[in-house]
């Protein structure tokens, strides 16, 4: 194949990706936040549409969600304004972001790249590693350990809320099928709601966004602890951080094939339209020698996946 043909093929793929993103953005623009609420387990925050003034790129022409997903939520510390934004960044990658403003403090809470895979043509993935990188004044080892602790606690909370988090702390939020113009493992409404909830929670854990949620413990650390000169030894870290065993992750293209094949929970039969999120799970667990292959993977809703735990039977 000539170099010119390769360039042409890349241009076609880029044009197709842009068209798919535009269609997805249109779907999200026409999706309402369910009941105008962010739900965190049994707790919910009632919001109102709109923000007091522009936030980051909320009103720019290149921002594909325009002003359709700007919200204001009343919390104990005042009002927190959230703005979901989708645009192509300076590295020519499309990215969806959530920016916040509360008590005159503005910043980015959470963002995810829109990822495509050549082995899973017609799909856009939303997957992002959960981590904290805010600057903290203090001893380097102490501040590093504090960020790792927050990462572990936050990922544990997200798992309890039904999100799919890998053992390497990667959040798999969704996959969009460009052929059917729908999400395979969730709904557009649930995607919007989940993105806002994760963003709001992450802002709480970051501790520097002008607010704290009253339903969660504070994660503002005592400066005295951060300035300890002693190195943070392994004995001082939680055991689950020290002994975390990395398992083989499921490639995005393989996730797409499993979700596209099953399209529902293989145990209870429910779909995203029934209000559940779909996960991709090993039939025979990896820890029991199970392989990460199409034959050993299945789609489960978050409830059945939690119930299955680490059991090797398909019908647990």
C-alpha atoms as a PDB file:
ATOM      1  CA  UNK A   1       0.000   0.000   0.000  1.00  0.00           C
ATOM      2  CA  UNK A   2       1.421   3.392  -0.944  1.00  0.00           C
ATOM      3  CA  UNK A   3       2.143   6.081   1.622  1.00  0.00           C
ATOM      4  CA  UNK A   4      -0.461   8.312  -0.034  1.00  0.00           C
ATOM      5  CA  UNK A   5      -3.110   5.656   0.496  1.00  0.00           C
ATOM      6  CA  UNK A   6      -2.138   5.296   4.176  1.00  0.00           C
ATOM      7  CA  UNK A   7      -2.529   9.060   4.617  1.00  0.00           C
ATOM      8  CA  UNK A   8      -5.908   8.947   2.889  1.00  0.00           C
ATOM      9  CA  UNK A   9      -7.063   6.101   5.136  1.00  0.00           C
ATOM     10  CA  UNK A  10      -5.974   8.022   8.263  1.00  0.00           C
ATOM     11  CA  UNK A  11      -7.873  11.096   7.035  1.00  0.00           C
ATOM     12  CA  UNK A  12     -11.017   9.008   6.486  1.00  0.00           C
ATOM     13  CA  UNK A  13     -10.731   7.479   9.968  1.00  0.00           C
ATOM     14  CA  UNK A  14     -10.289  10.938  11.496  1.00  0.00           C
ATOM     15  CA  UNK A  15     -13.328  12.286   9.615  1.00  0.00           C
ATOM     16  CA  UNK A  16     -15.402   9.289  10.714  1.00  0.00           C
ATOM     17  CA  UNK A  17     -14.323   9.779  14.328  1.00  0.00           C
ATOM     18  CA  UNK A  18     -15.254  13.466  14.230  1.00  0.00           C
ATOM     19  CA  UNK A  19     -18.664  12.642  12.764  1.00  0.00           C
ATOM     20  CA  UNK A  20     -19.233   9.991  15.444  1.00  0.00           C
ATOM     21  CA  UNK A  21     -18.271  12.421  18.221  1.00  0.00           C
ATOM     22  CA  UNK A  22     -20.636  15.057  16.829  1.00  0.00           C
ATOM     23  CA  UNK A  23     -23.499  12.550  16.804  1.00  0.00           C
ATOM     24  CA  UNK A  24     -22.702  11.440  20.334  1.00  0.00           C
ATOM     25  CA  UNK A  25     -22.527  15.067  21.481  1.00  0.00           C
ATOM     26  CA  UNK A  26     -25.957  15.640  19.958  1.00  0.00           C
ATOM     27  CA  UNK A  27     -27.292  12.630  21.875  1.00  0.00           C
ATOM     28  CA  UNK A  28     -25.894  13.999  25.145  1.00  0.00           C
ATOM     29  CA  UNK A  29     -27.220  17.507  24.449  1.00  0.00           C
ATOM     30  CA  UNK A  30     -30.703  16.051  24.092  1.00  0.00           C
ATOM     31  CA  UNK A  31     -30.408  14.034  27.291  1.00  0.00           C
ATOM     32  CA  UNK A  32     -31.820  15.420  30.528  1.00  0.00           C
ATOM     33  CA  UNK A  33     -30.278  14.843  33.931  1.00  0.00           C
ATOM     34  CA  UNK A  34     -32.820  12.489  35.582  1.00  0.00           C
ATOM     35  CA  UNK A  35     -35.057  14.557  37.873  1.00  0.00           C
ATOM     36  CA  UNK A  36     -32.331  17.206  37.938  1.00  0.00           C
ATOM     37  CA  UNK A  37     -30.556  15.232  40.649  1.00  0.00           C
ATOM     38  CA  UNK A  38     -27.191  13.719  41.414  1.00  0.00           C
ATOM     39  CA  UNK A  39     -27.665  10.500  43.366  1.00  0.00           C
ATOM     40  CA  UNK A  40     -24.930   9.105  45.603  1.00  0.00           C
ATOM     41  CA  UNK A  41     -26.322   5.830  46.913  1.00  0.00           C
ATOM     42  CA  UNK A  42     -29.483   6.743  48.813  1.00  0.00           C
ATOM     43  CA  UNK A  43     -28.424  10.391  49.105  1.00  0.00           C
ATOM     44  CA  UNK A  44     -29.287  12.915  46.413  1.00  0.00           C
ATOM     45  CA  UNK A  45     -28.539  16.532  45.579  1.00  0.00           C
ATOM     46  CA  UNK A  46     -31.228  18.563  43.858  1.00  0.00           C
ATOM     47  CA  UNK A  47     -29.881  20.817  41.146  1.00  0.00           C
ATOM     48  CA  UNK A  48     -31.013  23.623  38.917  1.00  0.00           C
ATOM     49  CA  UNK A  49     -30.091  24.172  35.290  1.00  0.00           C
ATOM     50  CA  UNK A  50     -27.612  26.931  34.539  1.00  0.00           C
ATOM     51  CA  UNK A  51     -24.607  28.627  36.123  1.00  0.00           C
ATOM     52  CA  UNK A  52     -24.060  32.219  37.256  1.00  0.00           C
ATOM     53  CA  UNK A  53     -21.448  33.081  34.598  1.00  0.00           C
ATOM     54  CA  UNK A  54     -19.246  31.321  32.035  1.00  0.00           C
ATOM     55  CA  UNK A  55     -16.971  28.613  33.408  1.00  0.00           C
ATOM     56  CA  UNK A  56     -13.833  27.571  31.487  1.00  0.00           C
ATOM     57  CA  UNK A  57     -15.063  26.930  27.902  1.00  0.00           C
ATOM     58  CA  UNK A  58     -18.765  26.591  28.718  1.00  0.00           C
ATOM     59  CA  UNK A  59     -19.880  29.268  26.263  1.00  0.00           C
ATOM     60  CA  UNK A  60     -17.244  28.828  23.532  1.00  0.00           C
ATOM     61  CA  UNK A  61     -18.334  27.860  20.012  1.00  0.00           C
ATOM     62  CA  UNK A  62     -16.031  24.793  19.882  1.00  0.00           C
ATOM     63  CA  UNK A  63     -17.497  23.312  23.061  1.00  0.00           C
ATOM     64  CA  UNK A  64     -19.804  20.621  21.657  1.00  0.00           C
ATOM     65  CA  UNK A  65     -22.202  20.305  24.614  1.00  0.00           C
ATOM     66  CA  UNK A  66     -22.821  24.080  24.494  1.00  0.00           C
ATOM     67  CA  UNK A  67     -24.680  25.132  27.671  1.00  0.00           C
ATOM     68  CA  UNK A  68     -26.949  22.079  27.923  1.00  0.00           C
ATOM     69  CA  UNK A  69     -25.206  20.558  30.933  1.00  0.00           C
ATOM     70  CA  UNK A  70     -24.491  23.438  33.281  1.00  0.00           C
ATOM     71  CA  UNK A  71     -25.934  22.949  36.765  1.00  0.00           C
ATOM     72  CA  UNK A  72     -25.978  24.526  40.214  1.00  0.00           C
ATOM     73  CA  UNK A  73     -26.323  22.345  43.322  1.00  0.00           C
ATOM     74  CA  UNK A  74     -26.918  23.554  46.852  1.00  0.00           C
ATOM     75  CA  UNK A  75     -24.622  21.973  49.453  1.00  0.00           C
ATOM     76  CA  UNK A  76     -23.698  22.705  53.051  1.00  0.00           C
ATOM     77  CA  UNK A  77     -20.780  24.926  51.988  1.00  0.00           C
ATOM     78  CA  UNK A  78     -22.893  27.017  49.611  1.00  0.00           C
ATOM     79  CA  UNK A  79     -23.570  26.465  45.918  1.00  0.00           C
ATOM     80  CA  UNK A  80     -21.382  24.392  43.652  1.00  0.00           C
ATOM     81  CA  UNK A  81     -21.653  25.006  39.914  1.00  0.00           C
ATOM     82  CA  UNK A  82     -20.801  22.164  37.518  1.00  0.00           C
ATOM     83  CA  UNK A  83     -20.250  22.353  33.773  1.00  0.00           C
ATOM     84  CA  UNK A  84     -19.843  19.319  31.497  1.00  0.00           C
ATOM     85  CA  UNK A  85     -17.808  20.179  28.410  1.00  0.00           C
ATOM     86  CA  UNK A  86     -16.750  18.221  25.333  1.00  0.00           C
ATOM     87  CA  UNK A  87     -14.160  19.568  22.938  1.00  0.00           C
ATOM     88  CA  UNK A  88     -11.021  18.724  20.978  1.00  0.00           C
ATOM     89  CA  UNK A  89      -7.915  19.689  22.939  1.00  0.00           C
ATOM     90  CA  UNK A  90      -4.606  21.048  21.662  1.00  0.00           C
ATOM     91  CA  UNK A  91      -3.346  17.475  21.157  1.00  0.00           C
ATOM     92  CA  UNK A  92      -6.240  16.795  18.771  1.00  0.00           C
ATOM     93  CA  UNK A  93      -7.972  14.460  21.225  1.00  0.00           C
ATOM     94  CA  UNK A  94     -11.627  14.770  22.097  1.00  0.00           C
ATOM     95  CA  UNK A  95     -12.140  14.914  25.842  1.00  0.00           C
ATOM     96  CA  UNK A  96     -15.131  15.317  28.126  1.00  0.00           C
ATOM     97  CA  UNK A  97     -14.485  17.417  31.228  1.00  0.00           C
ATOM     98  CA  UNK A  98     -16.303  18.588  34.319  1.00  0.00           C
ATOM     99  CA  UNK A  99     -15.367  22.004  35.706  1.00  0.00           C
ATOM    100  CA  UNK A 100     -16.589  23.457  38.986  1.00  0.00           C
ATOM    101  CA  UNK A 101     -16.973  26.750  40.806  1.00  0.00           C
ATOM    102  CA  UNK A 102     -17.716  27.086  44.507  1.00  0.00           C
ATOM    103  CA  UNK A 103     -16.904  29.938  46.886  1.00  0.00           C
ATOM    104  CA  UNK A 104     -14.887  31.680  44.155  1.00  0.00           C
ATOM    105  CA  UNK A 105     -12.722  28.585  43.627  1.00  0.00           C
ATOM    106  CA  UNK A 106     -12.761  27.196  40.072  1.00  0.00           C
ATOM    107  CA  UNK A 107     -11.053  24.186  38.541  1.00  0.00           C
ATOM    108  CA  UNK A 108     -11.299  20.883  36.745  1.00  0.00           C
ATOM    109  CA  UNK A 109     -12.747  17.991  38.701  1.00  0.00           C
ATOM    110  CA  UNK A 110     -12.613  15.066  36.302  1.00  0.00           C
ATOM    111  CA  UNK A 111     -11.971  14.357  32.627  1.00  0.00           C
ATOM    112  CA  UNK A 112     -11.869  11.396  30.245  1.00  0.00           C
ATOM    113  CA  UNK A 113     -10.395  10.988  26.782  1.00  0.00           C
ATOM    114  CA  UNK A 114     -12.668   9.612  24.080  1.00  0.00           C
ATOM    115  CA  UNK A 115     -10.684   6.545  23.031  1.00  0.00           C
ATOM    116  CA  UNK A 116     -11.080   4.599  19.800  1.00  0.00           C
ATOM    117  CA  UNK A 117      -9.571   1.210  18.942  1.00  0.00           C
ATOM    118  CA  UNK A 118      -8.806  -0.021  15.436  1.00  0.00           C
ATOM    119  CA  UNK A 119      -9.659  -3.559  16.581  1.00  0.00           C
ATOM    120  CA  UNK A 120     -13.093  -2.373  17.700  1.00  0.00           C
ATOM    121  CA  UNK A 121     -14.182  -0.146  14.856  1.00  0.00           C
ATOM    122  CA  UNK A 122     -17.363   1.757  15.477  1.00  0.00           C
ATOM    123  CA  UNK A 123     -16.796   2.253  19.196  1.00  0.00           C
ATOM    124  CA  UNK A 124     -15.793   5.075  21.532  1.00  0.00           C
ATOM    125  CA  UNK A 125     -14.541   4.127  24.988  1.00  0.00           C
ATOM    126  CA  UNK A 126     -14.629   6.131  28.208  1.00  0.00           C
ATOM    127  CA  UNK A 127     -11.883   4.797  30.470  1.00  0.00           C
ATOM    128  CA  UNK A 128      -9.663   6.766  32.840  1.00  0.00           C
ATOM    129  CA  UNK A 129      -7.205   5.986  35.608  1.00  0.00           C
ATOM    130  CA  UNK A 130      -8.325   7.360  38.957  1.00  0.00           C
ATOM    131  CA  UNK A 131      -5.497   9.307  40.541  1.00  0.00           C
ATOM    132  CA  UNK A 132      -4.780  12.469  42.483  1.00  0.00           C
ATOM    133  CA  UNK A 133      -2.007  14.793  41.383  1.00  0.00           C
ATOM    134  CA  UNK A 134      -2.722  18.022  43.226  1.00  0.00           C
ATOM    135  CA  UNK A 135       0.271  19.802  44.677  1.00  0.00           C
ATOM    136  CA  UNK A 136       0.705  19.436  48.413  1.00  0.00           C
ATOM    137  CA  UNK A 137       3.205  21.246  50.597  1.00  0.00           C
ATOM    138  CA  UNK A 138       5.226  18.895  52.741  1.00  0.00           C
ATOM    139  CA  UNK A 139       7.619  15.973  52.754  1.00  0.00           C
ATOM    140  CA  UNK A 140       7.560  14.251  49.300  1.00  0.00           C
ATOM    141  CA  UNK A 141       7.053  10.717  50.649  1.00  0.00           C
ATOM    142  CA  UNK A 142       4.290  11.829  53.015  1.00  0.00           C
ATOM    143  CA  UNK A 143       2.367  13.720  50.319  1.00  0.00           C
ATOM    144  CA  UNK A 144       2.761  10.799  47.905  1.00  0.00           C
ATOM    145  CA  UNK A 145       1.403   8.352  50.484  1.00  0.00           C
ATOM    146  CA  UNK A 146      -1.536  10.663  51.203  1.00  0.00           C
ATOM    147  CA  UNK A 147      -2.466  10.800  47.499  1.00  0.00           C
ATOM    148  CA  UNK A 148      -2.243   7.024  47.267  1.00  0.00           C
ATOM    149  CA  UNK A 149      -4.495   6.657  50.306  1.00  0.00           C
ATOM    150  CA  UNK A 150      -7.096   8.939  48.721  1.00  0.00           C
ATOM    151  CA  UNK A 151      -6.886   6.946  45.483  1.00  0.00           C
ATOM    152  CA  UNK A 152      -7.587   3.681  47.314  1.00  0.00           C
ATOM    153  CA  UNK A 153     -10.475   5.078  49.360  1.00  0.00           C
ATOM    154  CA  UNK A 154     -12.067   6.829  46.376  1.00  0.00           C
ATOM    155  CA  UNK A 155     -11.816   3.744  44.145  1.00  0.00           C
ATOM    156  CA  UNK A 156     -13.289   1.626  46.943  1.00  0.00           C
ATOM    157  CA  UNK A 157     -16.222   4.031  47.232  1.00  0.00           C
ATOM    158  CA  UNK A 158     -16.834   3.928  43.472  1.00  0.00           C
ATOM    159  CA  UNK A 159     -16.829   0.121  43.520  1.00  0.00           C
ATOM    160  CA  UNK A 160     -19.437   0.131  46.296  1.00  0.00           C
ATOM    161  CA  UNK A 161     -21.542   2.480  44.152  1.00  0.00           C
ATOM    162  CA  UNK A 162     -21.513  -0.089  41.343  1.00  0.00           C
ATOM    163  CA  UNK A 163     -18.771   1.244  39.070  1.00  0.00           C
ATOM    164  CA  UNK A 164     -16.340  -1.015  37.267  1.00  0.00           C
ATOM    165  CA  UNK A 165     -12.826  -0.274  38.564  1.00  0.00           C
ATOM    166  CA  UNK A 166      -9.888  -2.452  37.582  1.00  0.00           C
ATOM    167  CA  UNK A 167      -7.240  -3.535  40.057  1.00  0.00           C
ATOM    168  CA  UNK A 168      -4.958  -0.908  38.528  1.00  0.00           C
ATOM    169  CA  UNK A 169      -7.550   1.767  39.431  1.00  0.00           C
ATOM    170  CA  UNK A 170      -8.872   2.341  35.908  1.00  0.00           C
ATOM    171  CA  UNK A 171     -12.510   3.415  35.759  1.00  0.00           C
ATOM    172  CA  UNK A 172     -14.494   1.968  32.865  1.00  0.00           C
ATOM    173  CA  UNK A 173     -17.428   4.342  32.532  1.00  0.00           C
ATOM    174  CA  UNK A 174     -18.902   3.484  29.160  1.00  0.00           C
ATOM    175  CA  UNK A 175     -18.630   2.431  25.546  1.00  0.00           C
ATOM    176  CA  UNK A 176     -20.557   4.169  22.769  1.00  0.00           C
ATOM    177  CA  UNK A 177     -21.493   2.170  19.669  1.00  0.00           C
ATOM    178  CA  UNK A 178     -21.282   4.475  16.651  1.00  0.00           C
ATOM    179  CA  UNK A 179     -23.245   2.018  14.479  1.00  0.00           C
ATOM    180  CA  UNK A 180     -26.356   2.081  16.667  1.00  0.00           C
ATOM    181  CA  UNK A 181     -25.580   5.538  18.124  1.00  0.00           C
ATOM    182  CA  UNK A 182     -26.228   4.252  21.648  1.00  0.00           C
ATOM    183  CA  UNK A 183     -24.214   3.288  24.715  1.00  0.00           C
ATOM    184  CA  UNK A 184     -23.709  -0.468  25.076  1.00  0.00           C
ATOM    185  CA  UNK A 185     -23.280  -0.752  28.845  1.00  0.00           C
ATOM    186  CA  UNK A 186     -25.324   2.190  30.112  1.00  0.00           C
ATOM    187  CA  UNK A 187     -27.769   4.860  28.946  1.00  0.00           C
ATOM    188  CA  UNK A 188     -27.109   8.466  27.975  1.00  0.00           C
ATOM    189  CA  UNK A 189     -29.050   9.625  31.071  1.00  0.00           C
ATOM    190  CA  UNK A 190     -27.055   7.367  33.348  1.00  0.00           C
ATOM    191  CA  UNK A 191     -23.791   8.426  31.707  1.00  0.00           C
ATOM    192  CA  UNK A 192     -24.521  12.116  32.377  1.00  0.00           C
ATOM    193  CA  UNK A 193     -25.616  11.410  35.944  1.00  0.00           C
ATOM    194  CA  UNK A 194     -22.620   9.172  36.688  1.00  0.00           C
ATOM    195  CA  UNK A 195     -20.110  11.626  35.208  1.00  0.00           C
ATOM    196  CA  UNK A 196     -21.458  14.455  37.353  1.00  0.00           C
ATOM    197  CA  UNK A 197     -21.517  12.280  40.480  1.00  0.00           C
ATOM    198  CA  UNK A 198     -17.941  11.039  40.016  1.00  0.00           C
ATOM    199  CA  UNK A 199     -16.771  14.591  39.360  1.00  0.00           C
ATOM    200  CA  UNK A 200     -18.477  15.963  42.467  1.00  0.00           C
ATOM    201  CA  UNK A 201     -17.085  13.166  44.635  1.00  0.00           C
ATOM    202  CA  UNK A 202     -13.576  13.573  43.241  1.00  0.00           C
ATOM    203  CA  UNK A 203     -13.685  17.299  44.019  1.00  0.00           C
ATOM    204  CA  UNK A 204     -14.456  16.414  47.630  1.00  0.00           C
ATOM    205  CA  UNK A 205     -11.456  14.082  47.805  1.00  0.00           C
ATOM    206  CA  UNK A 206      -9.186  16.629  46.111  1.00  0.00           C
ATOM    207  CA  UNK A 207      -9.889  18.991  48.998  1.00  0.00           C
ATOM    208  CA  UNK A 208      -8.983  22.188  47.124  1.00  0.00           C
ATOM    209  CA  UNK A 209     -12.141  22.930  45.128  1.00  0.00           C
ATOM    210  CA  UNK A 210     -13.899  25.163  47.636  1.00  0.00           C
ATOM    211  CA  UNK A 211     -16.310  22.584  49.033  1.00  0.00           C
ATOM    212  CA  UNK A 212     -16.653  19.419  51.096  1.00  0.00           C
ATOM    213  CA  UNK A 213     -19.661  17.097  51.024  1.00  0.00           C
ATOM    214  CA  UNK A 214     -21.260  16.644  54.424  1.00  0.00           C
ATOM    215  CA  UNK A 215     -22.036  12.962  53.745  1.00  0.00           C
ATOM    216  CA  UNK A 216     -18.330  12.054  53.527  1.00  0.00           C
ATOM    217  CA  UNK A 217     -15.353  12.402  55.884  1.00  0.00           C
ATOM    218  CA  UNK A 218     -13.030  15.306  55.209  1.00  0.00           C
ATOM    219  CA  UNK A 219      -9.828  14.556  53.316  1.00  0.00           C
ATOM    220  CA  UNK A 220      -7.995  17.741  54.211  1.00  0.00           C
ATOM    221  CA  UNK A 221      -4.781  16.559  55.844  1.00  0.00           C
ATOM    222  CA  UNK A 222      -3.042  18.065  58.855  1.00  0.00           C
ATOM    223  CA  UNK A 223       0.037  19.951  57.600  1.00  0.00           C
ATOM    224  CA  UNK A 224       2.032  18.562  60.530  1.00  0.00           C
ATOM    225  CA  UNK A 225       1.621  15.029  59.141  1.00  0.00           C
ATOM    226  CA  UNK A 226       2.627  16.152  55.650  1.00  0.00           C
ATOM    227  CA  UNK A 227       5.841  17.648  56.957  1.00  0.00           C
ATOM    228  CA  UNK A 228       7.078  14.520  58.703  1.00  0.00           C
ATOM    229  CA  UNK A 229      10.706  13.959  57.758  1.00  0.00           C
ATOM    230  CA  UNK A 230      10.508  10.208  58.249  1.00  0.00           C
ATOM    231  CA  UNK A 231      10.032   8.175  55.090  1.00  0.00           C
ATOM    232  CA  UNK A 232       6.684   6.479  54.831  1.00  0.00           C
ATOM    233  CA  UNK A 233       7.525   2.804  55.207  1.00  0.00           C
ATOM    234  CA  UNK A 234       5.423  -0.037  53.831  1.00  0.00           C
ATOM    235  CA  UNK A 235       4.392  -0.957  57.351  1.00  0.00           C
ATOM    236  CA  UNK A 236       2.536   2.383  57.632  1.00  0.00           C
ATOM    237  CA  UNK A 237       0.462   1.863  54.487  1.00  0.00           C
ATOM    238  CA  UNK A 238      -2.797  -0.112  54.455  1.00  0.00           C
ATOM    239  CA  UNK A 239      -2.216  -3.803  53.742  1.00  0.00           C
ATOM    240  CA  UNK A 240      -4.431  -3.764  50.645  1.00  0.00           C
ATOM    241  CA  UNK A 241      -2.154  -1.131  49.077  1.00  0.00           C
ATOM    242  CA  UNK A 242       1.003  -3.145  49.748  1.00  0.00           C
ATOM    243  CA  UNK A 243      -0.386  -6.477  48.584  1.00  0.00           C
ATOM    244  CA  UNK A 244      -2.354  -5.263  45.589  1.00  0.00           C
ATOM    245  CA  UNK A 245      -1.771  -7.879  42.917  1.00  0.00           C
ATOM    246  CA  UNK A 246      -2.162  -6.597  39.396  1.00  0.00           C
ATOM    247  CA  UNK A 247      -4.317  -8.817  37.237  1.00  0.00           C
ATOM    248  CA  UNK A 248      -4.434  -8.933  33.496  1.00  0.00           C
ATOM    249  CA  UNK A 249      -6.650  -6.121  32.302  1.00  0.00           C
ATOM    250  CA  UNK A 250      -9.325  -6.610  29.650  1.00  0.00           C
ATOM    251  CA  UNK A 251      -8.363  -4.803  26.421  1.00  0.00           C
ATOM    252  CA  UNK A 252     -10.871  -2.215  25.247  1.00  0.00           C
ATOM    253  CA  UNK A 253     -11.435  -3.970  21.927  1.00  0.00           C
ATOM    254  CA  UNK A 254     -12.259  -7.194  23.772  1.00  0.00           C
ATOM    255  CA  UNK A 255     -14.648  -5.361  26.116  1.00  0.00           C
ATOM    256  CA  UNK A 256     -16.467  -4.014  23.079  1.00  0.00           C
ATOM    257  CA  UNK A 257     -16.807  -7.480  21.527  1.00  0.00           C
ATOM    258  CA  UNK A 258     -18.224  -8.943  24.750  1.00  0.00           C
ATOM    259  CA  UNK A 259     -20.737  -6.101  25.268  1.00  0.00           C
ATOM    260  CA  UNK A 260     -21.728  -6.154  21.600  1.00  0.00           C
ATOM    261  CA  UNK A 261     -22.207  -9.933  21.741  1.00  0.00           C
ATOM    262  CA  UNK A 262     -24.189 -10.111  24.995  1.00  0.00           C
ATOM    263  CA  UNK A 263     -26.035  -6.742  25.196  1.00  0.00           C
ATOM    264  CA  UNK A 264     -27.550  -7.752  28.549  1.00  0.00           C
ATOM    265  CA  UNK A 265     -26.622  -9.299  31.873  1.00  0.00           C
ATOM    266  CA  UNK A 266     -26.087 -13.005  31.218  1.00  0.00           C
ATOM    267  CA  UNK A 267     -27.423 -13.913  34.661  1.00  0.00           C
ATOM    268  CA  UNK A 268     -30.552 -11.786  35.126  1.00  0.00           C
ATOM    269  CA  UNK A 269     -31.167 -10.630  31.552  1.00  0.00           C
ATOM    270  CA  UNK A 270     -31.449  -6.936  32.408  1.00  0.00           C
ATOM    271  CA  UNK A 271     -30.180  -4.209  30.087  1.00  0.00           C
ATOM    272  CA  UNK A 272     -29.190  -0.541  30.652  1.00  0.00           C
ATOM    273  CA  UNK A 273     -32.806   0.381  29.863  1.00  0.00           C
ATOM    274  CA  UNK A 274     -33.738  -1.430  33.092  1.00  0.00           C
ATOM    275  CA  UNK A 275     -31.561   0.972  35.075  1.00  0.00           C
ATOM    276  CA  UNK A 276     -28.426  -1.151  35.477  1.00  0.00           C
ATOM    277  CA  UNK A 277     -24.826  -0.670  34.338  1.00  0.00           C
ATOM    278  CA  UNK A 278     -23.187  -3.563  32.518  1.00  0.00           C
ATOM    279  CA  UNK A 279     -19.719  -4.844  33.454  1.00  0.00           C
ATOM    280  CA  UNK A 280     -17.412  -7.261  31.632  1.00  0.00           C
ATOM    281  CA  UNK A 281     -16.328 -10.076  33.936  1.00  0.00           C
ATOM    282  CA  UNK A 282     -14.233 -13.248  33.825  1.00  0.00           C
ATOM    283  CA  UNK A 283     -16.365 -16.425  33.942  1.00  0.00           C
ATOM    284  CA  UNK A 284     -13.526 -18.371  35.538  1.00  0.00           C
ATOM    285  CA  UNK A 285     -11.774 -15.726  37.656  1.00  0.00           C
ATOM    286  CA  UNK A 286      -8.284 -14.688  36.655  1.00  0.00           C
ATOM    287  CA  UNK A 287      -7.110 -15.601  40.165  1.00  0.00           C
ATOM    288  CA  UNK A 288      -8.322 -19.176  39.548  1.00  0.00           C
ATOM    289  CA  UNK A 289      -6.416 -19.476  36.297  1.00  0.00           C
ATOM    290  CA  UNK A 290      -9.090 -18.021  34.015  1.00  0.00           C
ATOM    291  CA  UNK A 291      -7.896 -16.457  30.791  1.00  0.00           C
ATOM    292  CA  UNK A 292      -8.742 -13.047  29.366  1.00  0.00           C
ATOM    293  CA  UNK A 293     -10.337 -14.382  26.197  1.00  0.00           C
ATOM    294  CA  UNK A 294     -13.684 -13.856  24.516  1.00  0.00           C
ATOM    295  CA  UNK A 295     -14.802 -17.329  25.570  1.00  0.00           C
ATOM    296  CA  UNK A 296     -14.040 -16.688  29.243  1.00  0.00           C
ATOM    297  CA  UNK A 297     -15.685 -13.267  29.453  1.00  0.00           C
ATOM    298  CA  UNK A 298     -19.311 -12.403  30.029  1.00  0.00           C
ATOM    299  CA  UNK A 299     -21.497  -9.366  30.601  1.00  0.00           C
ATOM    300  CA  UNK A 300     -22.984  -8.906  34.080  1.00  0.00           C
ATOM    301  CA  UNK A 301     -24.915  -6.043  35.649  1.00  0.00           C
ATOM    302  CA  UNK A 302     -23.272  -4.433  38.669  1.00  0.00           C
ATOM    303  CA  UNK A 303     -25.609  -6.250  41.083  1.00  0.00           C
ATOM    304  CA  UNK A 304     -24.930  -9.717  39.674  1.00  0.00           C
ATOM    305  CA  UNK A 305     -21.222  -8.960  39.422  1.00  0.00           C
ATOM    306  CA  UNK A 306     -21.062  -8.053  43.111  1.00  0.00           C
ATOM    307  CA  UNK A 307     -23.031 -11.203  43.969  1.00  0.00           C
ATOM    308  CA  UNK A 308     -20.749 -13.420  41.886  1.00  0.00           C
ATOM    309  CA  UNK A 309     -17.674 -12.054  43.679  1.00  0.00           C
ATOM    310  CA  UNK A 310     -14.716 -14.365  43.027  1.00  0.00           C
ATOM    311  CA  UNK A 311     -16.713 -17.549  42.364  1.00  0.00           C
ATOM    312  CA  UNK A 312     -15.904 -19.531  39.274  1.00  0.00           C
ATOM    313  CA  UNK A 313     -19.353 -20.805  38.418  1.00  0.00           C
ATOM    314  CA  UNK A 314     -21.362 -18.983  35.759  1.00  0.00           C
ATOM    315  CA  UNK A 315     -24.548 -19.592  37.754  1.00  0.00           C
ATOM    316  CA  UNK A 316     -23.404 -18.674  41.238  1.00  0.00           C
END
